[in-house]
Amino acid sequence: MFIKRKNKTKIYALGQHISMSAHKARRVIDQIRGRSYQETLMILELMPYQASYSIFKLVYSAAANASDNMNSDETNLIIFKAEVNEGATVKKLKPRARGRSYPIKRPTCHITIGVKDISLYEGEYYVDPYINKDYLTPLKNPGWAYTDMIDENVYSNGGVWDKK
């Protein structure tokens, strides 16, 4: 795990070559993006996916980096960036009958977790993009279109996960 430090208020933890598919890791990452640190740990402990353990370790590492480098309290941290990129695919050949071989592909991924200390923004007005939404804006301005995937219920009938 590496530490990337771009800004004084933002700390990153990067996990490279984690042996899982990027699609499976994104399923978990999408649930924690924009949440507080303590809420994220609770969600990751209760999720029944294998990817949640690796992401749990990265979130814990990012919080430890933030408390060590910025002396920030863990109650003030939010996950402002969580992304998954595909890594190199490990390719092996498995011997089969009659002298043939069968390819085995093991995908890897790179996970980046970024935490931000919101107590450093006390003088500014901080708006959480996932909680404080103005749902009446489309009704007030008819030309304005709301295209954020956060508010759509993807678990209902006809959603993304209903397809077999």
N, C-alpha and C. Protein backbone atom coordinates (compact mmCIF):
# COMPACT_ATOMS: atom_id res chain seq x y z
N MET A 1 0.84 -1.17 0.00
CA MET A 1 0.00 0.00 0.00
C MET A 1 0.88 1.24 0.00
N PHE A 2 0.51 2.18 -0.80
CA PHE A 2 1.29 3.40 -0.95
C PHE A 2 0.48 4.59 -0.46
N ILE A 3 1.18 5.67 -0.17
CA ILE A 3 0.54 6.91 0.25
C ILE A 3 0.76 7.94 -0.84
N LYS A 4 -0.30 8.56 -1.28
CA LYS A 4 -0.21 9.63 -2.23
C LYS A 4 -0.70 10.88 -1.52
N ARG A 5 0.07 11.94 -1.50
CA ARG A 5 -0.34 13.15 -0.80
C ARG A 5 -0.32 14.30 -1.78
N LYS A 6 -1.49 14.77 -2.19
CA LYS A 6 -1.57 15.86 -3.14
C LYS A 6 -1.80 17.19 -2.44
N ASN A 7 -2.59 17.20 -1.42
CA ASN A 7 -3.04 18.42 -0.80
C ASN A 7 -2.89 18.28 0.71
N LYS A 8 -2.95 19.38 1.45
CA LYS A 8 -2.86 19.28 2.89
C LYS A 8 -4.09 18.65 3.50
N THR A 9 -5.23 18.83 2.88
CA THR A 9 -6.47 18.36 3.47
C THR A 9 -6.93 17.03 2.90
N LYS A 10 -6.26 16.51 1.91
CA LYS A 10 -6.68 15.26 1.28
C LYS A 10 -5.55 14.24 1.36
N ILE A 11 -5.87 13.07 1.85
CA ILE A 11 -4.88 11.99 1.98
C ILE A 11 -5.41 10.77 1.23
N TYR A 12 -4.52 10.09 0.54
CA TYR A 12 -4.88 8.94 -0.28
C TYR A 12 -4.19 7.68 0.23
N ALA A 13 -4.83 6.55 0.01
CA ALA A 13 -4.22 5.23 0.21
C ALA A 13 -4.46 4.45 -1.08
N LEU A 14 -3.41 3.85 -1.59
CA LEU A 14 -3.48 3.17 -2.88
C LEU A 14 -3.08 1.72 -2.71
N GLY A 15 -3.95 0.83 -3.13
CA GLY A 15 -3.66 -0.60 -3.13
C GLY A 15 -3.50 -1.08 -4.56
N GLN A 16 -2.35 -1.63 -4.88
CA GLN A 16 -2.10 -2.06 -6.25
C GLN A 16 -2.02 -3.57 -6.32
N HIS A 17 -2.37 -4.10 -7.48
CA HIS A 17 -2.30 -5.53 -7.80
C HIS A 17 -3.08 -6.37 -6.79
N ILE A 18 -4.28 -5.92 -6.45
CA ILE A 18 -5.16 -6.69 -5.58
C ILE A 18 -5.84 -7.75 -6.44
N SER A 19 -5.78 -8.98 -6.00
CA SER A 19 -6.20 -10.08 -6.87
C SER A 19 -7.70 -10.29 -6.80
N MET A 20 -8.42 -9.43 -7.52
CA MET A 20 -9.85 -9.58 -7.72
C MET A 20 -10.25 -8.78 -8.95
N SER A 21 -11.40 -9.07 -9.47
CA SER A 21 -11.89 -8.36 -10.63
C SER A 21 -12.28 -6.93 -10.26
N ALA A 22 -12.03 -6.00 -11.17
CA ALA A 22 -12.38 -4.60 -10.92
C ALA A 22 -13.89 -4.43 -10.83
N HIS A 23 -14.63 -5.24 -11.54
CA HIS A 23 -16.09 -5.16 -11.50
C HIS A 23 -16.62 -5.53 -10.12
N LYS A 24 -16.03 -6.55 -9.49
CA LYS A 24 -16.47 -6.97 -8.15
C LYS A 24 -16.09 -5.94 -7.10
N ALA A 25 -14.94 -5.29 -7.28
CA ALA A 25 -14.54 -4.26 -6.32
C ALA A 25 -15.39 -3.00 -6.48
N ARG A 26 -15.78 -2.66 -7.70
CA ARG A 26 -16.62 -1.47 -7.91
C ARG A 26 -17.99 -1.61 -7.28
N ARG A 27 -18.47 -2.85 -7.19
CA ARG A 27 -19.77 -3.11 -6.57
C ARG A 27 -19.76 -2.65 -5.11
N VAL A 28 -18.63 -2.81 -4.43
CA VAL A 28 -18.51 -2.40 -3.03
C VAL A 28 -18.15 -0.92 -2.93
N ILE A 29 -17.24 -0.46 -3.80
CA ILE A 29 -16.77 0.93 -3.75
C ILE A 29 -17.91 1.92 -3.96
N ASP A 30 -18.86 1.58 -4.83
CA ASP A 30 -19.97 2.49 -5.10
C ASP A 30 -20.85 2.72 -3.87
N GLN A 31 -20.82 1.80 -2.92
CA GLN A 31 -21.63 1.95 -1.72
C GLN A 31 -21.00 2.87 -0.68
N ILE A 32 -19.68 3.07 -0.73
CA ILE A 32 -19.02 3.84 0.33
C ILE A 32 -18.59 5.22 -0.10
N ARG A 33 -18.66 5.53 -1.36
CA ARG A 33 -18.18 6.83 -1.85
C ARG A 33 -19.03 7.95 -1.27
N GLY A 34 -18.38 8.94 -0.65
CA GLY A 34 -19.07 10.10 -0.10
C GLY A 34 -19.56 9.94 1.33
N ARG A 35 -19.30 8.83 1.95
CA ARG A 35 -19.79 8.61 3.32
C ARG A 35 -18.71 8.94 4.34
N SER A 36 -19.12 9.01 5.59
CA SER A 36 -18.16 9.28 6.66
C SER A 36 -17.33 8.03 6.93
N TYR A 37 -16.22 8.22 7.64
CA TYR A 37 -15.30 7.11 7.89
C TYR A 37 -15.94 6.03 8.74
N GLN A 38 -16.62 6.44 9.82
CA GLN A 38 -17.21 5.45 10.72
C GLN A 38 -18.36 4.70 10.06
N GLU A 39 -19.15 5.40 9.26
CA GLU A 39 -20.24 4.74 8.54
C GLU A 39 -19.70 3.76 7.50
N THR A 40 -18.58 4.13 6.88
CA THR A 40 -17.96 3.27 5.89
C THR A 40 -17.46 1.97 6.52
N LEU A 41 -16.83 2.06 7.68
CA LEU A 41 -16.35 0.85 8.35
C LEU A 41 -17.51 -0.07 8.71
N MET A 42 -18.62 0.52 9.16
CA MET A 42 -19.78 -0.30 9.52
C MET A 42 -20.36 -1.00 8.29
N ILE A 43 -20.44 -0.27 7.18
CA ILE A 43 -20.99 -0.85 5.95
C ILE A 43 -20.09 -1.99 5.45
N LEU A 44 -18.77 -1.76 5.48
CA LEU A 44 -17.85 -2.77 4.96
C LEU A 44 -17.82 -4.03 5.82
N GLU A 45 -18.02 -3.88 7.13
CA GLU A 45 -18.04 -5.06 8.00
C GLU A 45 -19.27 -5.91 7.75
N LEU A 46 -20.37 -5.28 7.35
CA LEU A 46 -21.61 -6.03 7.18
C LEU A 46 -21.86 -6.51 5.76
N MET A 47 -21.06 -6.07 4.80
CA MET A 47 -21.27 -6.51 3.42
C MET A 47 -20.76 -7.94 3.22
N PRO A 48 -21.51 -8.76 2.49
CA PRO A 48 -21.11 -10.17 2.36
C PRO A 48 -20.20 -10.45 1.18
N TYR A 49 -19.42 -9.48 0.73
CA TYR A 49 -18.57 -9.68 -0.44
C TYR A 49 -17.11 -9.85 -0.03
N GLN A 50 -16.37 -10.59 -0.82
CA GLN A 50 -14.95 -10.82 -0.55
C GLN A 50 -14.16 -9.52 -0.72
N ALA A 51 -14.59 -8.66 -1.63
CA ALA A 51 -13.87 -7.42 -1.91
C ALA A 51 -13.92 -6.45 -0.74
N SER A 52 -14.90 -6.60 0.13
CA SER A 52 -15.05 -5.63 1.21
C SER A 52 -13.89 -5.71 2.21
N TYR A 53 -13.25 -6.86 2.35
CA TYR A 53 -12.12 -6.97 3.29
C TYR A 53 -10.92 -6.17 2.80
N SER A 54 -10.59 -6.27 1.52
CA SER A 54 -9.46 -5.51 0.97
C SER A 54 -9.74 -4.01 1.01
N ILE A 55 -10.97 -3.62 0.72
CA ILE A 55 -11.33 -2.22 0.76
C ILE A 55 -11.36 -1.72 2.20
N PHE A 56 -11.78 -2.56 3.13
CA PHE A 56 -11.75 -2.21 4.55
C PHE A 56 -10.34 -1.88 5.01
N LYS A 57 -9.38 -2.71 4.59
CA LYS A 57 -7.98 -2.46 4.97
C LYS A 57 -7.47 -1.16 4.37
N LEU A 58 -7.87 -0.84 3.13
CA LEU A 58 -7.43 0.41 2.51
C LEU A 58 -8.05 1.63 3.17
N VAL A 59 -9.32 1.55 3.52
CA VAL A 59 -9.98 2.68 4.21
C VAL A 59 -9.34 2.90 5.58
N TYR A 60 -9.05 1.81 6.27
CA TYR A 60 -8.40 1.90 7.57
C TYR A 60 -7.01 2.51 7.44
N SER A 61 -6.29 2.13 6.37
CA SER A 61 -4.96 2.67 6.12
C SER A 61 -5.01 4.16 5.77
N ALA A 62 -6.01 4.56 4.99
CA ALA A 62 -6.15 5.97 4.63
C ALA A 62 -6.45 6.81 5.87
N ALA A 63 -7.26 6.29 6.77
CA ALA A 63 -7.56 7.02 8.01
C ALA A 63 -6.33 7.10 8.91
N ALA A 64 -5.54 6.03 8.94
CA ALA A 64 -4.31 6.06 9.73
C ALA A 64 -3.31 7.05 9.14
N ASN A 65 -3.25 7.13 7.81
CA ASN A 65 -2.38 8.10 7.16
C ASN A 65 -2.83 9.52 7.48
N ALA A 66 -4.13 9.74 7.49
CA ALA A 66 -4.65 11.08 7.77
C ALA A 66 -4.40 11.48 9.22
N SER A 67 -4.56 10.55 10.14
CA SER A 67 -4.32 10.89 11.54
C SER A 67 -2.83 11.07 11.82
N ASP A 68 -1.99 10.36 11.09
CA ASP A 68 -0.55 10.49 11.29
C ASP A 68 0.01 11.74 10.61
N ASN A 69 -0.43 12.01 9.38
CA ASN A 69 0.15 13.12 8.62
C ASN A 69 -0.48 14.47 8.94
N MET A 70 -1.79 14.48 9.24
CA MET A 70 -2.48 15.75 9.47
C MET A 70 -2.95 15.92 10.91
N ASN A 71 -2.74 14.92 11.75
CA ASN A 71 -3.24 14.92 13.13
C ASN A 71 -4.74 15.16 13.18
N SER A 72 -5.47 14.54 12.28
CA SER A 72 -6.91 14.74 12.22
C SER A 72 -7.63 13.63 12.98
N ASP A 73 -8.80 13.97 13.46
CA ASP A 73 -9.63 13.02 14.20
C ASP A 73 -10.41 12.16 13.20
N GLU A 74 -10.58 10.89 13.52
CA GLU A 74 -11.24 9.98 12.58
C GLU A 74 -12.73 10.28 12.45
N THR A 75 -13.32 10.98 13.41
CA THR A 75 -14.75 11.30 13.32
C THR A 75 -15.02 12.38 12.29
N ASN A 76 -13.99 13.14 11.88
CA ASN A 76 -14.17 14.23 10.92
C ASN A 76 -13.82 13.82 9.49
N LEU A 77 -13.48 12.57 9.26
CA LEU A 77 -13.05 12.14 7.93
C LEU A 77 -14.23 11.67 7.09
N ILE A 78 -14.19 12.02 5.80
CA ILE A 78 -15.16 11.49 4.85
C ILE A 78 -14.39 10.89 3.67
N ILE A 79 -14.99 9.92 3.03
CA ILE A 79 -14.40 9.31 1.84
C ILE A 79 -14.83 10.15 0.65
N PHE A 80 -13.94 10.98 0.13
CA PHE A 80 -14.32 11.85 -0.97
C PHE A 80 -13.95 11.24 -2.31
N LYS A 81 -13.03 10.28 -2.32
CA LYS A 81 -12.65 9.66 -3.58
C LYS A 81 -12.46 8.17 -3.35
N ALA A 82 -13.10 7.37 -4.18
CA ALA A 82 -12.94 5.93 -4.13
C ALA A 82 -13.06 5.43 -5.56
N GLU A 83 -11.97 4.95 -6.10
CA GLU A 83 -12.00 4.50 -7.49
C GLU A 83 -11.26 3.18 -7.64
N VAL A 84 -11.67 2.43 -8.66
CA VAL A 84 -11.08 1.13 -8.96
C VAL A 84 -10.66 1.14 -10.42
N ASN A 85 -9.43 0.77 -10.68
CA ASN A 85 -8.92 0.63 -12.04
C ASN A 85 -8.46 -0.80 -12.26
N GLU A 86 -8.52 -1.23 -13.49
CA GLU A 86 -8.08 -2.58 -13.80
C GLU A 86 -6.56 -2.65 -13.80
N GLY A 87 -6.03 -3.75 -13.28
CA GLY A 87 -4.60 -3.96 -13.26
C GLY A 87 -4.21 -4.99 -14.30
N ALA A 88 -3.01 -5.51 -14.17
CA ALA A 88 -2.53 -6.53 -15.11
C ALA A 88 -3.25 -7.84 -14.85
N THR A 89 -3.46 -8.60 -15.90
CA THR A 89 -4.09 -9.90 -15.77
C THR A 89 -3.01 -10.97 -15.75
N VAL A 90 -3.01 -11.78 -14.70
CA VAL A 90 -2.05 -12.87 -14.57
C VAL A 90 -2.56 -14.04 -15.42
N LYS A 91 -1.74 -14.47 -16.37
CA LYS A 91 -2.16 -15.53 -17.29
C LYS A 91 -1.33 -16.78 -17.04
N LYS A 92 -2.01 -17.91 -16.86
CA LYS A 92 -1.35 -19.19 -16.65
C LYS A 92 -1.96 -20.20 -17.60
N LEU A 93 -1.28 -21.31 -17.78
CA LEU A 93 -1.80 -22.40 -18.60
C LEU A 93 -1.98 -23.63 -17.72
N LYS A 94 -3.18 -24.19 -17.77
CA LYS A 94 -3.46 -25.39 -16.99
C LYS A 94 -3.42 -26.59 -17.93
N PRO A 95 -2.65 -27.60 -17.59
CA PRO A 95 -2.59 -28.78 -18.46
C PRO A 95 -3.91 -29.54 -18.47
N ARG A 96 -4.30 -29.95 -19.67
CA ARG A 96 -5.54 -30.69 -19.85
C ARG A 96 -5.23 -32.04 -20.51
N ALA A 97 -6.26 -32.78 -20.80
CA ALA A 97 -6.09 -34.12 -21.36
C ALA A 97 -5.54 -34.05 -22.79
N ARG A 98 -4.85 -35.10 -23.20
CA ARG A 98 -4.32 -35.29 -24.55
C ARG A 98 -3.33 -34.20 -24.94
N GLY A 99 -2.56 -33.72 -23.98
CA GLY A 99 -1.49 -32.78 -24.27
C GLY A 99 -1.93 -31.36 -24.55
N ARG A 100 -3.16 -31.04 -24.25
CA ARG A 100 -3.63 -29.69 -24.49
C ARG A 100 -3.50 -28.84 -23.24
N SER A 101 -3.72 -27.56 -23.42
CA SER A 101 -3.66 -26.67 -22.26
C SER A 101 -4.85 -25.72 -22.30
N TYR A 102 -5.20 -25.25 -21.13
CA TYR A 102 -6.36 -24.36 -20.99
C TYR A 102 -5.89 -23.09 -20.29
N PRO A 103 -6.18 -21.91 -20.86
CA PRO A 103 -5.69 -20.67 -20.23
C PRO A 103 -6.52 -20.29 -19.00
N ILE A 104 -5.81 -19.85 -17.97
CA ILE A 104 -6.44 -19.33 -16.76
C ILE A 104 -6.05 -17.87 -16.65
N LYS A 105 -7.04 -16.99 -16.51
CA LYS A 105 -6.78 -15.55 -16.39
C LYS A 105 -7.23 -15.09 -15.03
N ARG A 106 -6.29 -14.52 -14.25
CA ARG A 106 -6.62 -13.99 -12.93
C ARG A 106 -6.53 -12.48 -12.98
N PRO A 107 -7.65 -11.78 -12.93
CA PRO A 107 -7.60 -10.32 -13.02
C PRO A 107 -7.13 -9.69 -11.72
N THR A 108 -6.49 -8.54 -11.83
CA THR A 108 -6.09 -7.75 -10.67
C THR A 108 -6.67 -6.35 -10.84
N CYS A 109 -6.65 -5.59 -9.75
CA CYS A 109 -7.17 -4.23 -9.81
C CYS A 109 -6.36 -3.33 -8.89
N HIS A 110 -6.44 -2.04 -9.15
CA HIS A 110 -5.82 -1.01 -8.32
C HIS A 110 -6.94 -0.19 -7.69
N ILE A 111 -6.91 -0.06 -6.37
CA ILE A 111 -7.95 0.67 -5.64
C ILE A 111 -7.34 1.90 -5.00
N THR A 112 -7.97 3.06 -5.19
CA THR A 112 -7.52 4.31 -4.58
C THR A 112 -8.63 4.82 -3.67
N ILE A 113 -8.28 5.08 -2.41
CA ILE A 113 -9.21 5.63 -1.43
C ILE A 113 -8.67 6.98 -0.99
N GLY A 114 -9.48 8.02 -1.08
CA GLY A 114 -9.08 9.35 -0.64
C GLY A 114 -9.98 9.82 0.48
N VAL A 115 -9.37 10.31 1.57
CA VAL A 115 -10.14 10.84 2.69
C VAL A 115 -9.86 12.32 2.84
N LYS A 116 -10.87 13.02 3.34
CA LYS A 116 -10.76 14.46 3.52
C LYS A 116 -11.24 14.79 4.93
N ASP A 117 -10.54 15.71 5.60
CA ASP A 117 -10.92 16.15 6.93
C ASP A 117 -11.84 17.36 6.80
N ILE A 118 -13.11 17.20 7.17
CA ILE A 118 -14.06 18.30 6.99
C ILE A 118 -13.98 19.33 8.11
N SER A 119 -13.25 19.03 9.17
CA SER A 119 -13.10 20.03 10.24
C SER A 119 -12.20 21.18 9.78
N LEU A 120 -11.39 20.96 8.75
CA LEU A 120 -10.54 22.03 8.25
C LEU A 120 -11.32 23.01 7.39
N TYR A 121 -12.57 22.66 7.04
CA TYR A 121 -13.41 23.52 6.23
C TYR A 121 -14.47 24.23 7.08
N GLU A 122 -14.18 24.50 8.36
CA GLU A 122 -15.20 25.04 9.25
C GLU A 122 -15.64 26.44 8.84
N GLY A 123 -14.74 27.26 8.30
CA GLY A 123 -15.12 28.60 7.88
C GLY A 123 -15.93 28.60 6.62
N GLU A 124 -15.81 27.55 5.82
CA GLU A 124 -16.53 27.46 4.56
C GLU A 124 -17.82 26.68 4.77
N TYR A 125 -18.72 26.83 3.83
CA TYR A 125 -19.97 26.09 3.87
C TYR A 125 -19.78 24.80 3.09
N TYR A 126 -19.85 23.68 3.78
CA TYR A 126 -19.63 22.37 3.15
C TYR A 126 -20.98 21.73 2.87
N VAL A 127 -21.17 21.30 1.63
CA VAL A 127 -22.39 20.62 1.23
C VAL A 127 -22.02 19.20 0.85
N ASP A 128 -22.61 18.26 1.52
CA ASP A 128 -22.38 16.86 1.19
C ASP A 128 -23.18 16.53 -0.07
N PRO A 129 -22.51 16.13 -1.15
CA PRO A 129 -23.25 15.93 -2.40
C PRO A 129 -24.19 14.74 -2.37
N TYR A 130 -24.06 13.85 -1.38
CA TYR A 130 -24.89 12.66 -1.35
C TYR A 130 -26.10 12.81 -0.44
N ILE A 131 -26.08 13.80 0.45
CA ILE A 131 -27.17 13.95 1.40
C ILE A 131 -28.01 15.19 1.11
N ASN A 132 -27.38 16.34 0.97
CA ASN A 132 -28.10 17.59 0.82
C ASN A 132 -28.39 17.87 -0.65
N LYS A 133 -29.40 17.25 -1.17
CA LYS A 133 -29.81 17.47 -2.56
C LYS A 133 -31.04 18.35 -2.57
N ASP A 134 -31.11 19.23 -3.54
CA ASP A 134 -32.30 20.04 -3.73
C ASP A 134 -33.16 19.35 -4.77
N TYR A 135 -34.17 18.62 -4.31
CA TYR A 135 -34.99 17.84 -5.21
C TYR A 135 -36.04 18.68 -5.94
N LEU A 136 -36.24 19.93 -5.52
CA LEU A 136 -37.24 20.77 -6.15
C LEU A 136 -36.67 21.57 -7.32
N THR A 137 -35.35 21.52 -7.54
CA THR A 137 -34.75 22.28 -8.64
C THR A 137 -35.30 21.89 -10.00
N PRO A 138 -35.52 20.61 -10.33
CA PRO A 138 -36.10 20.30 -11.64
C PRO A 138 -37.51 20.85 -11.81
N LEU A 139 -38.25 20.99 -10.69
CA LEU A 139 -39.61 21.50 -10.80
C LEU A 139 -39.62 23.02 -11.01
N LYS A 140 -38.63 23.71 -10.42
CA LYS A 140 -38.55 25.17 -10.55
C LYS A 140 -38.05 25.58 -11.93
N ASN A 141 -37.03 24.89 -12.44
CA ASN A 141 -36.45 25.20 -13.75
C ASN A 141 -36.77 24.07 -14.71
N PRO A 142 -37.69 24.25 -15.63
CA PRO A 142 -38.05 23.14 -16.52
C PRO A 142 -36.94 22.74 -17.48
N GLY A 143 -36.00 23.63 -17.80
CA GLY A 143 -34.93 23.30 -18.73
C GLY A 143 -33.79 22.56 -18.08
N TRP A 144 -33.81 22.45 -16.75
CA TRP A 144 -32.71 21.82 -16.01
C TRP A 144 -32.96 20.33 -15.92
N ALA A 145 -31.95 19.52 -16.27
CA ALA A 145 -32.09 18.06 -16.22
C ALA A 145 -31.18 17.51 -15.14
N TYR A 146 -31.70 16.64 -14.31
CA TYR A 146 -30.93 16.03 -13.23
C TYR A 146 -30.48 14.66 -13.69
N THR A 147 -29.16 14.45 -13.78
CA THR A 147 -28.64 13.19 -14.33
C THR A 147 -27.69 12.50 -13.38
N ASP A 148 -27.97 12.52 -12.10
CA ASP A 148 -27.10 11.88 -11.12
C ASP A 148 -27.64 10.48 -10.84
N MET A 149 -26.77 9.46 -10.88
CA MET A 149 -27.19 8.08 -10.67
C MET A 149 -27.43 7.75 -9.21
N ILE A 150 -27.08 8.66 -8.30
CA ILE A 150 -27.17 8.35 -6.87
C ILE A 150 -28.62 8.22 -6.45
N ASP A 151 -29.50 9.07 -6.98
CA ASP A 151 -30.86 9.11 -6.51
C ASP A 151 -31.76 8.10 -7.18
N GLU A 152 -31.29 7.46 -8.23
CA GLU A 152 -32.12 6.46 -8.89
C GLU A 152 -32.05 5.16 -8.11
N ASN A 153 -33.16 4.51 -7.98
CA ASN A 153 -33.21 3.25 -7.26
C ASN A 153 -32.88 2.13 -8.23
N VAL A 154 -31.63 1.67 -8.23
CA VAL A 154 -31.20 0.65 -9.19
C VAL A 154 -31.59 -0.75 -8.76
N TYR A 155 -32.13 -0.91 -7.54
CA TYR A 155 -32.50 -2.24 -7.08
C TYR A 155 -33.98 -2.53 -7.33
N SER A 156 -34.72 -1.62 -7.91
CA SER A 156 -36.13 -1.86 -8.15
C SER A 156 -36.30 -2.67 -9.44
N ASN A 157 -37.53 -2.93 -9.81
CA ASN A 157 -37.80 -3.68 -11.04
C ASN A 157 -37.30 -2.92 -12.25
N GLY A 158 -36.64 -3.61 -13.13
CA GLY A 158 -36.10 -2.98 -14.32
C GLY A 158 -34.76 -2.31 -14.09
N GLY A 159 -34.18 -2.49 -12.89
CA GLY A 159 -32.91 -1.85 -12.59
C GLY A 159 -31.74 -2.63 -13.11
N VAL A 160 -30.56 -2.25 -12.71
CA VAL A 160 -29.34 -2.86 -13.21
C VAL A 160 -29.19 -4.30 -12.71
N TRP A 161 -29.57 -4.57 -11.45
CA TRP A 161 -29.28 -5.87 -10.86
C TRP A 161 -30.38 -6.89 -11.10
N ASP A 162 -31.46 -6.50 -11.78
CA ASP A 162 -32.53 -7.46 -12.01
C ASP A 162 -32.28 -8.37 -13.21
N LYS A 163 -31.31 -8.02 -14.03
CA LYS A 163 -31.03 -8.83 -15.21
C LYS A 163 -30.30 -10.10 -14.80
N LYS A 164 -30.63 -11.20 -15.44
CA LYS A 164 -30.01 -12.48 -15.08
C LYS A 164 -28.88 -12.80 -16.01
